[in-house]
N, C-alpha and C. Protein backbone atom coordinates (compact mmCIF):
# COMPACT_ATOMS: atom_id res chain seq x y z
N UNK A 1 132.55 -109.07 -112.70
CA UNK A 1 131.72 -108.22 -113.56
C UNK A 1 130.73 -107.59 -112.93
N UNK A 2 130.54 -106.35 -112.91
CA UNK A 2 129.47 -105.44 -112.11
C UNK A 2 128.68 -104.68 -113.01
N UNK A 3 127.37 -104.57 -112.91
CA UNK A 3 126.27 -103.62 -113.75
C UNK A 3 125.98 -102.89 -112.76
N UNK A 4 126.07 -101.28 -112.84
CA UNK A 4 125.48 -100.48 -111.83
C UNK A 4 125.26 -99.26 -112.73
N UNK A 5 124.41 -98.33 -112.28
CA UNK A 5 124.41 -97.15 -112.58
C UNK A 5 125.42 -96.11 -112.59
N UNK A 6 125.58 -95.44 -113.62
CA UNK A 6 126.85 -94.51 -113.32
C UNK A 6 126.41 -93.32 -112.72
N UNK A 7 127.52 -92.60 -112.03
CA UNK A 7 127.49 -91.62 -111.18
C UNK A 7 128.30 -90.41 -111.45
N UNK A 8 128.26 -89.27 -111.11
CA UNK A 8 129.39 -88.30 -111.53
C UNK A 8 130.66 -88.46 -110.96
N UNK A 9 131.09 -89.59 -109.98
CA UNK A 9 132.35 -89.95 -109.66
C UNK A 9 133.04 -90.89 -110.83
N UNK A 10 131.81 -91.32 -111.95
CA UNK A 10 132.58 -92.12 -112.96
C UNK A 10 132.87 -91.17 -114.22
N UNK A 11 132.70 -89.81 -114.28
CA UNK A 11 132.93 -89.05 -115.37
C UNK A 11 134.52 -89.55 -116.26
N UNK A 12 135.39 -89.43 -115.09
CA UNK A 12 136.80 -89.51 -115.73
C UNK A 12 136.80 -90.80 -116.69
N UNK A 13 136.37 -91.93 -115.92
CA UNK A 13 136.65 -93.16 -116.74
C UNK A 13 135.61 -93.27 -117.96
N UNK A 14 134.55 -92.60 -117.67
CA UNK A 14 133.59 -92.61 -119.04
C UNK A 14 134.08 -91.62 -120.11
N UNK A 15 134.68 -90.51 -119.66
CA UNK A 15 135.21 -89.54 -120.83
C UNK A 15 136.43 -90.37 -121.41
N UNK A 16 137.41 -90.94 -120.65
CA UNK A 16 138.55 -91.59 -121.27
C UNK A 16 138.18 -92.74 -122.10
N UNK A 17 137.19 -93.55 -121.64
CA UNK A 17 136.69 -94.71 -122.78
C UNK A 17 136.19 -94.05 -123.69
N UNK A 18 135.46 -93.30 -123.95
CA UNK A 18 134.66 -92.69 -124.90
C UNK A 18 135.71 -91.96 -125.91
N UNK A 19 136.66 -91.39 -125.22
CA UNK A 19 137.74 -90.57 -126.12
C UNK A 19 138.50 -91.97 -126.79
N UNK A 20 138.66 -92.78 -126.19
CA UNK A 20 139.48 -93.95 -126.93
C UNK A 20 138.60 -94.64 -127.75
N UNK A 21 137.43 -94.72 -127.87
CA UNK A 21 136.33 -95.12 -128.87
C UNK A 21 135.68 -94.46 -129.73
N UNK A 22 136.17 -93.24 -130.24
CA UNK A 22 135.45 -92.49 -131.10
C UNK A 22 135.00 -93.05 -132.36
N UNK A 23 136.20 -93.54 -133.13
CA UNK A 23 135.89 -94.27 -134.33
C UNK A 23 135.21 -95.44 -134.43
N UNK A 24 135.22 -96.05 -133.19
CA UNK A 24 134.54 -97.59 -133.05
C UNK A 24 133.11 -97.40 -132.72
N UNK A 25 132.73 -96.39 -132.05
CA UNK A 25 131.39 -96.16 -131.64
C UNK A 25 130.43 -95.30 -132.37
N UNK A 26 131.05 -93.98 -133.08
CA UNK A 26 130.19 -93.09 -133.20
C UNK A 26 129.71 -93.35 -134.72
N UNK A 27 130.22 -94.05 -135.26
CA UNK A 27 129.52 -94.65 -136.59
C UNK A 27 128.12 -95.55 -136.47
N UNK A 28 127.74 -96.08 -135.24
CA UNK A 28 126.57 -96.86 -134.77
C UNK A 28 125.70 -95.86 -134.10
N UNK A 29 126.02 -94.54 -133.93
CA UNK A 29 125.31 -93.86 -132.89
C UNK A 29 124.50 -92.65 -133.57
N UNK A 30 123.33 -92.16 -132.94
CA UNK A 30 122.68 -91.00 -133.43
C UNK A 30 123.64 -89.77 -133.67
N UNK A 31 123.58 -89.01 -134.75
CA UNK A 31 124.28 -87.58 -134.70
C UNK A 31 124.01 -86.54 -133.52
N UNK A 32 124.92 -86.13 -133.16
CA UNK A 32 124.75 -85.22 -132.04
C UNK A 32 124.22 -83.91 -132.58
N UNK A 33 123.06 -83.45 -131.82
CA UNK A 33 122.59 -82.08 -132.46
C UNK A 33 123.57 -80.84 -132.23
N UNK A 34 123.59 -80.11 -133.36
CA UNK A 34 124.51 -78.85 -132.92
C UNK A 34 124.33 -78.16 -131.76
N UNK A 35 125.37 -77.83 -131.14
CA UNK A 35 125.40 -77.21 -129.97
C UNK A 35 124.91 -78.06 -128.76
N UNK A 36 124.50 -79.31 -129.12
CA UNK A 36 124.23 -80.23 -127.94
C UNK A 36 125.75 -80.58 -127.16
N UNK A 37 125.48 -80.62 -125.58
CA UNK A 37 126.71 -80.73 -125.08
C UNK A 37 127.15 -82.22 -125.11
N UNK A 38 128.34 -82.37 -125.16
CA UNK A 38 129.01 -83.75 -125.18
C UNK A 38 129.33 -84.58 -123.73
N UNK A 39 128.67 -85.42 -123.13
CA UNK A 39 128.69 -85.82 -121.74
C UNK A 39 129.96 -86.63 -121.67
N UNK A 40 130.62 -86.72 -122.64
CA UNK A 40 132.02 -87.37 -122.61
C UNK A 40 133.18 -86.14 -122.61
N UNK A 41 132.68 -85.15 -122.54
CA UNK A 41 133.79 -84.16 -122.84
C UNK A 41 133.32 -83.14 -121.80
N UNK A 42 132.11 -82.98 -121.15
CA UNK A 42 131.54 -81.96 -120.37
C UNK A 42 131.22 -82.52 -118.99
N UNK A 43 131.64 -82.31 -118.06
CA UNK A 43 131.38 -82.96 -116.55
C UNK A 43 129.86 -82.50 -116.24
N UNK A 44 129.72 -81.22 -116.38
CA UNK A 44 128.08 -80.88 -116.42
C UNK A 44 127.08 -81.98 -117.16
N UNK A 45 127.39 -81.84 -118.35
CA UNK A 45 126.58 -82.50 -119.16
C UNK A 45 126.52 -84.11 -118.70
N UNK A 46 127.43 -84.64 -118.25
CA UNK A 46 127.72 -86.11 -117.85
C UNK A 46 126.70 -86.29 -116.40
N UNK A 47 126.91 -85.35 -115.56
CA UNK A 47 126.05 -85.21 -114.68
C UNK A 47 124.66 -85.30 -114.79
N UNK A 48 124.20 -84.20 -115.73
CA UNK A 48 122.81 -84.14 -116.28
C UNK A 48 122.30 -85.58 -116.75
N UNK A 49 123.26 -85.93 -117.55
CA UNK A 49 122.77 -87.49 -118.16
C UNK A 49 122.83 -88.45 -116.99
N UNK A 50 123.52 -88.44 -116.00
CA UNK A 50 123.23 -89.31 -114.87
C UNK A 50 121.89 -88.94 -114.30
N UNK A 51 121.59 -87.70 -113.84
CA UNK A 51 120.43 -87.34 -113.16
C UNK A 51 119.25 -87.66 -113.99
N UNK A 52 119.41 -87.61 -115.56
CA UNK A 52 118.33 -87.96 -116.28
C UNK A 52 117.89 -89.77 -116.19
N UNK A 53 118.80 -90.34 -116.18
CA UNK A 53 118.94 -91.81 -115.80
C UNK A 53 118.47 -92.18 -114.54
N UNK A 54 118.46 -91.42 -113.69
CA UNK A 54 117.95 -91.64 -112.24
C UNK A 54 116.64 -91.70 -112.14
N UNK A 55 116.18 -90.31 -112.85
CA UNK A 55 114.82 -89.90 -113.23
C UNK A 55 114.22 -91.04 -113.65
N UNK A 56 114.63 -91.64 -114.98
CA UNK A 56 113.90 -92.76 -115.49
C UNK A 56 113.72 -94.11 -114.58
N UNK A 57 114.78 -94.26 -113.82
CA UNK A 57 114.51 -95.30 -112.64
C UNK A 57 113.79 -95.18 -112.01
N UNK A 58 113.49 -93.81 -111.29
CA UNK A 58 112.51 -93.49 -110.65
C UNK A 58 111.15 -93.66 -111.05
N UNK A 59 110.81 -93.21 -112.25
CA UNK A 59 109.46 -93.42 -112.99
C UNK A 59 109.34 -94.83 -113.49
N UNK A 60 110.48 -95.55 -113.62
CA UNK A 60 110.29 -97.00 -114.37
C UNK A 60 110.11 -96.97 -115.67
N UNK A 61 110.91 -96.12 -116.31
CA UNK A 61 110.74 -96.07 -117.98
C UNK A 61 112.14 -96.35 -118.35
N UNK A 62 113.14 -96.52 -117.64
CA UNK A 62 114.59 -96.75 -118.23
C UNK A 62 115.56 -97.20 -117.15
N UNK A 63 116.41 -98.04 -117.66
CA UNK A 63 117.50 -98.49 -116.42
C UNK A 63 118.61 -98.57 -117.18
N UNK A 64 119.72 -97.46 -116.75
CA UNK A 64 121.04 -97.48 -117.64
C UNK A 64 122.13 -98.18 -116.66
N UNK A 65 123.02 -98.77 -117.27
CA UNK A 65 123.98 -99.54 -116.33
C UNK A 65 125.39 -99.45 -116.97
N UNK A 66 126.31 -98.92 -116.15
CA UNK A 66 127.61 -99.13 -116.57
C UNK A 66 128.29 -100.58 -116.45
N UNK A 67 129.04 -101.10 -117.43
CA UNK A 67 129.71 -102.48 -117.25
C UNK A 67 130.72 -102.28 -116.77
N UNK A 68 131.16 -102.94 -115.55
CA UNK A 68 132.38 -102.67 -114.92
C UNK A 68 133.15 -104.29 -114.65
N UNK A 69 134.59 -104.36 -115.13
CA UNK A 69 135.18 -105.49 -115.01
C UNK A 69 136.34 -105.57 -113.97
N UNK A 70 136.31 -105.83 -112.75
CA UNK A 70 137.46 -105.65 -111.88
C UNK A 70 137.82 -103.98 -111.61
N UNK A 71 136.48 -103.44 -111.45
CA UNK A 71 136.21 -101.98 -111.01
C UNK A 71 136.76 -101.14 -112.47
N UNK A 72 136.95 -101.65 -113.57
CA UNK A 72 137.48 -100.92 -114.52
C UNK A 72 136.18 -100.60 -115.61
N UNK A 73 135.84 -99.49 -115.79
CA UNK A 73 134.54 -99.23 -116.83
C UNK A 73 134.84 -99.58 -118.17
N UNK A 74 133.88 -100.61 -118.71
CA UNK A 74 133.93 -101.25 -119.98
C UNK A 74 133.22 -100.60 -121.04
N UNK A 75 131.93 -100.22 -120.61
CA UNK A 75 130.94 -100.00 -121.73
C UNK A 75 129.50 -99.68 -120.62
N UNK A 76 128.38 -99.82 -121.68
CA UNK A 76 127.11 -99.68 -121.19
C UNK A 76 126.11 -100.67 -121.54
N UNK A 77 125.17 -101.00 -120.83
CA UNK A 77 124.14 -101.93 -121.27
C UNK A 77 122.56 -101.15 -120.72
N UNK A 78 121.90 -100.62 -121.50
CA UNK A 78 120.46 -100.08 -121.07
C UNK A 78 119.55 -100.32 -121.56
N UNK A 79 118.68 -100.53 -120.85
CA UNK A 79 117.13 -101.13 -120.85
C UNK A 79 116.49 -99.82 -120.97
N UNK A 80 115.86 -99.49 -122.26
CA UNK A 80 115.15 -98.21 -122.24
C UNK A 80 113.53 -98.36 -122.74
N UNK A 81 112.99 -97.15 -122.78
CA UNK A 81 111.73 -97.00 -123.39
C UNK A 81 110.71 -97.96 -122.84
N UNK A 82 110.72 -98.25 -121.52
CA UNK A 82 109.70 -99.46 -120.84
C UNK A 82 108.20 -98.81 -121.01
N UNK A 83 107.51 -99.77 -121.70
CA UNK A 83 106.34 -99.59 -121.59
C UNK A 83 105.14 -100.48 -120.89
N UNK A 84 104.30 -99.98 -120.34
CA UNK A 84 103.34 -100.91 -119.50
C UNK A 84 102.33 -101.08 -120.47
N UNK A 85 101.24 -101.21 -119.75
CA UNK A 85 99.53 -101.72 -120.12
C UNK A 85 99.53 -102.71 -121.01
N UNK A 86 99.40 -102.76 -122.15
CA UNK A 86 99.28 -103.98 -123.02
C UNK A 86 100.44 -104.36 -123.40
N UNK A 87 101.56 -103.37 -123.70
CA UNK A 87 102.92 -103.68 -124.31
C UNK A 87 103.90 -104.49 -123.16
N UNK A 88 103.93 -103.83 -121.99
CA UNK A 88 105.08 -104.57 -121.31
C UNK A 88 106.24 -104.81 -121.80
N UNK A 89 106.88 -103.92 -122.44
CA UNK A 89 108.00 -104.18 -123.31
C UNK A 89 109.25 -103.01 -123.09
N UNK A 90 110.42 -103.54 -123.65
CA UNK A 90 111.39 -102.35 -123.74
C UNK A 90 112.63 -102.71 -124.51
N UNK A 91 113.43 -102.00 -124.69
CA UNK A 91 114.52 -102.02 -125.55
C UNK A 91 115.74 -102.00 -125.02
N UNK A 92 116.68 -102.85 -125.49
CA UNK A 92 118.01 -102.87 -125.04
C UNK A 92 118.99 -102.62 -126.13
N UNK A 93 119.85 -101.65 -125.39
CA UNK A 93 121.01 -101.09 -126.31
C UNK A 93 122.31 -101.13 -125.42
N UNK A 94 123.60 -101.32 -126.31
CA UNK A 94 124.90 -101.63 -125.46
C UNK A 94 126.01 -101.17 -126.24
N UNK A 95 127.05 -100.98 -125.62
CA UNK A 95 128.43 -100.61 -126.36
C UNK A 95 129.34 -101.19 -125.49
N UNK A 96 130.67 -101.27 -125.95
CA UNK A 96 131.67 -102.07 -124.93
C UNK A 96 132.81 -101.30 -125.65
N UNK A 97 133.76 -101.00 -124.79
CA UNK A 97 135.13 -100.32 -124.85
C UNK A 97 136.11 -101.44 -126.18
N UNK A 98 136.61 -101.06 -127.01
CA UNK A 98 137.23 -102.02 -127.85
C UNK A 98 138.10 -102.67 -127.31
N UNK A 99 138.81 -102.29 -126.23
CA UNK A 99 139.76 -102.84 -125.26
C UNK A 99 139.41 -103.90 -124.50
N UNK A 100 138.15 -103.93 -124.38
CA UNK A 100 137.42 -105.16 -123.58
C UNK A 100 136.50 -105.86 -124.65
N UNK A 101 136.56 -105.74 -125.90
CA UNK A 101 135.82 -106.45 -126.56
C UNK A 101 136.26 -107.76 -126.92
N UNK A 102 135.58 -108.95 -127.01
CA UNK A 102 135.92 -110.21 -127.07
C UNK A 102 135.96 -111.20 -126.11
N UNK A 103 135.67 -110.60 -124.99
CA UNK A 103 136.09 -111.08 -123.58
C UNK A 103 134.44 -111.82 -122.97
N UNK A 104 133.50 -111.86 -123.75
CA UNK A 104 132.16 -112.18 -123.33
C UNK A 104 131.27 -111.22 -122.18
N UNK A 105 131.65 -110.12 -122.12
CA UNK A 105 131.05 -108.94 -121.28
C UNK A 105 129.77 -108.68 -121.59
N UNK A 106 129.60 -108.31 -122.87
CA UNK A 106 128.15 -108.00 -123.77
C UNK A 106 127.20 -109.27 -123.32
N UNK A 107 127.61 -110.35 -123.95
CA UNK A 107 126.60 -111.47 -123.76
C UNK A 107 126.28 -111.51 -122.20
N UNK A 108 127.43 -111.73 -121.26
CA UNK A 108 126.95 -112.08 -119.94
C UNK A 108 126.13 -110.78 -119.52
N UNK A 109 126.41 -109.51 -119.74
CA UNK A 109 125.67 -108.54 -119.19
C UNK A 109 124.22 -108.52 -120.10
N UNK A 110 123.98 -108.91 -121.30
CA UNK A 110 122.85 -108.96 -121.81
C UNK A 110 121.98 -109.94 -121.14
N UNK A 111 122.49 -111.06 -120.82
CA UNK A 111 121.78 -112.06 -120.00
C UNK A 111 121.17 -111.62 -118.66
N UNK A 112 122.18 -110.88 -118.03
CA UNK A 112 121.83 -110.44 -116.64
C UNK A 112 120.57 -109.20 -116.87
N UNK A 113 120.75 -108.33 -117.79
CA UNK A 113 119.65 -107.37 -117.92
C UNK A 113 118.31 -108.21 -118.58
N UNK A 114 118.45 -109.34 -119.37
CA UNK A 114 117.09 -110.11 -119.67
C UNK A 114 116.52 -110.30 -118.41
N UNK A 115 117.22 -111.13 -117.42
CA UNK A 115 116.66 -111.56 -116.19
C UNK A 115 116.22 -110.55 -115.38
N UNK A 116 116.73 -109.29 -115.46
CA UNK A 116 116.06 -108.32 -114.61
C UNK A 116 114.63 -107.99 -115.20
N UNK A 117 115.03 -107.70 -116.49
CA UNK A 117 113.80 -107.25 -117.47
C UNK A 117 112.34 -108.18 -117.26
N UNK A 118 112.60 -109.44 -117.22
CA UNK A 118 111.64 -110.55 -117.44
C UNK A 118 111.23 -110.75 -115.75
N UNK A 119 112.19 -110.92 -114.88
CA UNK A 119 111.95 -111.43 -113.51
C UNK A 119 111.70 -110.71 -112.55
N UNK A 120 112.11 -109.35 -112.62
CA UNK A 120 111.94 -108.24 -111.61
C UNK A 120 110.99 -107.25 -112.02
N UNK A 121 111.06 -107.02 -113.64
CA UNK A 121 110.12 -105.93 -114.15
C UNK A 121 108.79 -106.44 -114.66
N UNK A 122 108.91 -107.90 -114.74
CA UNK A 122 107.79 -108.64 -115.30
C UNK A 122 107.27 -107.76 -116.59
N UNK A 123 108.42 -107.96 -117.47
CA UNK A 123 107.94 -107.38 -118.84
C UNK A 123 107.74 -108.63 -119.77
N UNK A 124 107.15 -108.46 -121.02
CA UNK A 124 106.69 -109.56 -121.74
C UNK A 124 107.92 -109.63 -122.82
N UNK A 125 108.13 -108.39 -123.29
CA UNK A 125 108.72 -108.63 -124.77
C UNK A 125 110.16 -107.50 -124.40
N UNK A 126 111.33 -108.02 -124.83
CA UNK A 126 112.37 -107.19 -124.98
C UNK A 126 113.03 -107.25 -126.54
N UNK A 127 113.36 -105.90 -126.77
CA UNK A 127 113.98 -105.78 -128.25
C UNK A 127 115.28 -105.32 -128.54
N UNK A 128 115.98 -106.02 -129.01
CA UNK A 128 117.24 -105.17 -129.73
C UNK A 128 117.50 -104.96 -131.17
N UNK A 129 117.71 -103.60 -131.41
CA UNK A 129 117.63 -103.41 -132.69
C UNK A 129 119.07 -103.13 -133.19
N UNK A 130 119.55 -103.75 -134.20
CA UNK A 130 121.22 -103.46 -134.76
C UNK A 130 121.06 -103.15 -136.28
N UNK A 131 121.79 -102.40 -136.60
CA UNK A 131 122.12 -101.96 -137.78
C UNK A 131 122.86 -103.17 -138.57
N UNK A 132 122.30 -103.70 -139.99
CA UNK A 132 122.75 -105.23 -140.12
C UNK A 132 124.32 -105.39 -140.21
N UNK A 133 124.80 -104.36 -140.64
CA UNK A 133 126.41 -104.35 -141.00
C UNK A 133 127.13 -104.19 -139.48
N UNK A 134 126.81 -104.10 -138.58
CA UNK A 134 127.35 -103.84 -137.33
C UNK A 134 127.62 -105.39 -136.79
N UNK A 135 128.38 -106.03 -137.14
CA UNK A 135 128.77 -107.47 -137.00
C UNK A 135 129.03 -107.66 -135.44
N UNK A 136 129.72 -106.83 -135.06
CA UNK A 136 130.13 -106.91 -133.67
C UNK A 136 128.79 -107.13 -132.60
N UNK A 137 127.83 -106.10 -132.68
CA UNK A 137 126.68 -106.07 -132.10
C UNK A 137 125.72 -107.48 -132.00
N UNK A 138 125.90 -107.48 -133.63
CA UNK A 138 125.07 -109.00 -134.08
C UNK A 138 125.86 -110.32 -133.49
N UNK A 139 126.87 -110.20 -133.30
CA UNK A 139 127.54 -111.31 -132.57
C UNK A 139 127.10 -111.60 -131.00
N UNK A 140 126.67 -110.39 -130.49
CA UNK A 140 125.96 -110.68 -129.03
C UNK A 140 124.88 -111.53 -128.87
N UNK A 141 124.05 -110.98 -129.65
CA UNK A 141 122.55 -111.34 -129.64
C UNK A 141 122.67 -112.89 -130.36
N UNK A 142 123.47 -113.06 -131.18
CA UNK A 142 123.61 -114.65 -131.83
C UNK A 142 124.33 -115.28 -130.78
N UNK A 143 125.29 -114.89 -129.88
CA UNK A 143 125.51 -115.73 -129.06
C UNK A 143 124.75 -116.37 -127.88
N UNK A 144 123.94 -115.29 -127.58
CA UNK A 144 122.79 -115.47 -126.43
C UNK A 144 121.62 -116.27 -127.26
N UNK A 145 121.48 -116.14 -128.58
CA UNK A 145 120.39 -116.71 -129.25
C UNK A 145 119.09 -116.00 -129.12
N UNK A 146 119.31 -114.83 -129.52
CA UNK A 146 118.10 -113.94 -129.37
C UNK A 146 117.37 -113.91 -130.59
N UNK A 147 116.15 -114.31 -130.92
CA UNK A 147 115.51 -114.47 -132.17
C UNK A 147 115.46 -113.13 -133.13
N UNK A 148 115.56 -113.18 -134.30
CA UNK A 148 115.60 -112.14 -135.08
C UNK A 148 114.35 -112.20 -136.13
N UNK A 149 113.41 -111.09 -135.62
CA UNK A 149 112.29 -110.95 -136.22
C UNK A 149 112.00 -110.40 -137.78
N UNK A 150 113.36 -109.88 -138.11
CA UNK A 150 113.30 -109.29 -139.56
C UNK A 150 113.94 -107.91 -139.47
N UNK A 151 113.63 -107.20 -140.59
CA UNK A 151 114.24 -105.75 -140.83
C UNK A 151 113.12 -105.02 -140.69
N UNK A 152 113.70 -103.51 -139.80
CA UNK A 152 112.65 -102.53 -139.83
C UNK A 152 113.08 -101.40 -140.73
N UNK A 153 112.71 -101.03 -141.56
CA UNK A 153 113.12 -100.15 -142.83
C UNK A 153 113.09 -98.81 -142.01
N UNK A 154 114.34 -98.35 -142.18
CA UNK A 154 114.51 -96.55 -141.95
C UNK A 154 114.16 -96.44 -140.51
N UNK A 155 114.59 -97.55 -139.42
CA UNK A 155 114.17 -97.54 -138.19
C UNK A 155 114.68 -96.39 -137.35
N UNK A 156 115.83 -95.93 -137.54
CA UNK A 156 116.59 -95.00 -136.55
C UNK A 156 117.66 -94.27 -137.47
N UNK A 157 117.64 -92.97 -136.88
CA UNK A 157 118.78 -92.21 -137.48
C UNK A 157 120.22 -92.61 -136.85
N UNK A 158 121.00 -92.97 -137.64
CA UNK A 158 122.41 -93.22 -137.51
C UNK A 158 123.47 -92.57 -138.13
N UNK A 159 124.22 -91.68 -137.35
CA UNK A 159 125.30 -90.95 -137.91
C UNK A 159 124.60 -90.08 -139.09
N UNK A 160 123.42 -89.50 -138.99
CA UNK A 160 122.82 -88.52 -139.70
C UNK A 160 122.18 -89.35 -141.14
N UNK A 161 122.00 -90.88 -140.86
CA UNK A 161 121.16 -91.38 -141.99
C UNK A 161 120.43 -92.29 -141.59
N UNK A 162 119.18 -92.12 -141.98
CA UNK A 162 118.17 -93.25 -141.71
C UNK A 162 118.38 -94.56 -141.99
N UNK A 163 118.76 -95.44 -141.11
CA UNK A 163 119.32 -96.62 -141.08
C UNK A 163 118.15 -98.02 -140.88
N UNK A 164 118.20 -98.86 -142.06
CA UNK A 164 117.56 -100.14 -141.63
C UNK A 164 118.14 -100.68 -140.44
N UNK A 165 117.24 -101.25 -139.59
CA UNK A 165 117.84 -102.38 -138.60
C UNK A 165 117.29 -103.51 -138.29
N UNK A 166 118.04 -104.78 -137.99
CA UNK A 166 117.70 -105.87 -137.73
C UNK A 166 116.90 -106.11 -136.41
N UNK A 167 115.72 -106.56 -136.07
CA UNK A 167 114.99 -106.42 -134.76
C UNK A 167 115.18 -107.89 -134.29
N UNK A 168 115.82 -107.72 -133.07
CA UNK A 168 116.07 -109.16 -132.39
C UNK A 168 115.34 -108.90 -131.01
N UNK A 169 114.54 -110.21 -130.73
CA UNK A 169 113.57 -109.87 -129.41
C UNK A 169 113.52 -111.29 -129.00
N UNK A 170 112.82 -110.92 -127.70
CA UNK A 170 112.79 -112.31 -126.50
C UNK A 170 111.61 -112.01 -125.80
N UNK A 171 110.57 -112.94 -125.80
CA UNK A 171 109.31 -112.69 -124.82
C UNK A 171 109.65 -113.62 -123.86
N UNK A 172 108.73 -113.15 -122.85
CA UNK A 172 108.92 -114.09 -121.47
C UNK A 172 108.79 -115.56 -121.48
N UNK A 173 107.87 -115.88 -122.38
CA UNK A 173 107.70 -117.43 -122.61
C UNK A 173 109.05 -118.19 -122.68
N UNK A 174 110.05 -117.25 -123.92
CA UNK A 174 111.14 -117.86 -124.37
C UNK A 174 112.36 -117.70 -123.23
N UNK A 175 112.24 -116.62 -122.28
CA UNK A 175 113.01 -116.73 -121.43
C UNK A 175 112.89 -117.87 -120.15
N UNK A 176 111.62 -117.94 -119.92
CA UNK A 176 111.45 -119.01 -118.93
C UNK A 176 111.94 -120.40 -119.47
N UNK A 177 111.71 -120.52 -120.68
CA UNK A 177 112.47 -121.89 -121.20
C UNK A 177 113.73 -122.08 -121.38
N UNK A 178 114.27 -120.82 -121.38
CA UNK A 178 115.80 -120.85 -121.85
C UNK A 178 116.89 -120.14 -120.68
N UNK A 179 116.00 -119.47 -119.59
CA UNK A 179 117.02 -119.19 -118.68
C UNK A 179 117.73 -119.97 -117.93
N UNK A 180 117.72 -121.27 -117.37
CA UNK A 180 118.51 -122.16 -116.85
C UNK A 180 119.85 -122.03 -117.69
N UNK A 181 119.54 -122.35 -118.98
CA UNK A 181 120.83 -122.57 -119.92
C UNK A 181 121.57 -121.56 -120.11
N UNK A 182 120.65 -120.19 -120.24
CA UNK A 182 121.57 -118.75 -120.33
C UNK A 182 122.26 -118.41 -119.28
N UNK A 183 121.61 -118.68 -118.03
CA UNK A 183 122.55 -118.21 -116.78
C UNK A 183 123.55 -119.03 -116.48
N UNK A 184 123.35 -120.31 -116.59
CA UNK A 184 124.52 -121.65 -116.64
C UNK A 184 125.76 -121.11 -117.51
N UNK A 185 125.43 -120.90 -118.74
CA UNK A 185 126.49 -120.64 -119.77
C UNK A 185 127.19 -119.17 -119.74
N UNK A 186 126.37 -118.30 -119.23
CA UNK A 186 127.05 -116.69 -119.44
C UNK A 186 126.91 -116.03 -117.88
N UNK A 187 126.46 -116.38 -116.98
CA UNK A 187 126.46 -115.85 -115.69
C UNK A 187 127.30 -116.67 -114.72
N UNK A 188 126.49 -117.88 -114.50
CA UNK A 188 127.17 -118.65 -113.44
C UNK A 188 128.46 -119.33 -113.78
N UNK A 189 128.76 -119.70 -114.91
CA UNK A 189 129.78 -120.46 -115.32
C UNK A 189 130.99 -119.07 -115.58
N UNK A 190 130.53 -118.12 -115.96
CA UNK A 190 131.37 -117.05 -116.36
C UNK A 190 131.76 -116.18 -115.04
N UNK A 191 130.96 -116.25 -114.02
CA UNK A 191 131.36 -115.49 -112.73
C UNK A 191 131.08 -116.68 -111.64
N UNK A 192 131.66 -117.61 -111.62
CA UNK A 192 131.45 -118.71 -110.49
C UNK A 192 131.84 -117.85 -109.09
N UNK A 193 133.00 -117.12 -109.27
CA UNK A 193 133.49 -116.79 -107.75
C UNK A 193 133.21 -115.28 -107.70
N UNK A 194 132.33 -114.58 -108.40
CA UNK A 194 131.78 -113.33 -108.10
C UNK A 194 130.44 -113.17 -107.45
N UNK A 195 130.24 -112.18 -106.86
CA UNK A 195 128.92 -111.65 -106.37
C UNK A 195 127.82 -111.38 -107.59
N UNK A 196 126.52 -111.56 -107.21
CA UNK A 196 125.55 -111.20 -108.24
C UNK A 196 125.97 -109.85 -109.02
N UNK A 197 126.00 -110.04 -110.29
CA UNK A 197 126.63 -109.07 -111.05
C UNK A 197 125.53 -107.86 -111.34
N UNK A 198 124.39 -108.09 -110.63
CA UNK A 198 123.21 -106.82 -110.92
C UNK A 198 123.01 -106.44 -109.22
N UNK A 199 123.46 -105.18 -108.97
CA UNK A 199 123.31 -104.45 -107.83
C UNK A 199 122.14 -104.16 -107.43
N UNK A 200 121.27 -104.68 -106.77
CA UNK A 200 119.81 -104.56 -106.87
C UNK A 200 119.39 -102.92 -105.96
N UNK A 201 119.99 -102.74 -105.05
CA UNK A 201 119.90 -101.27 -104.68
C UNK A 201 120.18 -100.33 -105.75
N UNK A 202 121.02 -100.59 -106.49
CA UNK A 202 121.40 -99.46 -107.48
C UNK A 202 120.43 -99.45 -108.56
N UNK A 203 119.62 -100.88 -108.87
CA UNK A 203 118.84 -100.75 -109.97
C UNK A 203 117.46 -100.01 -109.58
N UNK A 204 116.98 -100.47 -108.33
CA UNK A 204 115.67 -99.82 -107.85
C UNK A 204 115.69 -98.28 -107.63
N UNK A 205 116.93 -97.88 -107.35
CA UNK A 205 116.94 -96.36 -107.24
C UNK A 205 116.51 -96.30 -105.82
């Protein structure tokens, strides 16, 4: 498994995956604004999205990664809304192609991005917000053992409706205490014969 930023050359794989997962994904995503181009259908919109993610990496405000297994695009794991100063925090969002679901890709990717957030970006807190009835996404954080802090009422607009979200979080002290176990279970054990799944030159831009 490899995590790396998406680029223009990934448009075909991204478009095919999104088209195959419309019902699987759109019920959990913000409603697209009228007239807003869809990066899953428009090459130009996809390239603009990639460029925006590159600018976020350069500014240190966000880090987007495609999830690839044996070179096949399977989804995304994004670290966004990086805040410095007294917050030192960010949020993680993710999705996986339904054809690759249930293979441990999201938990493994989550652990890798948590390591990146805490060990390389030196963040103190990482948040994952999930609609309570999205059981597939909840299983990811539950497998990794990310702590649930409670419910944020009307937290985010999803499919045109302001939805409550369960807030899952991990702080740096928890990562330090649990990192050996998490890496052994989800990275080293799952990918003993693979290279480091986080390609550092791509991360740093």
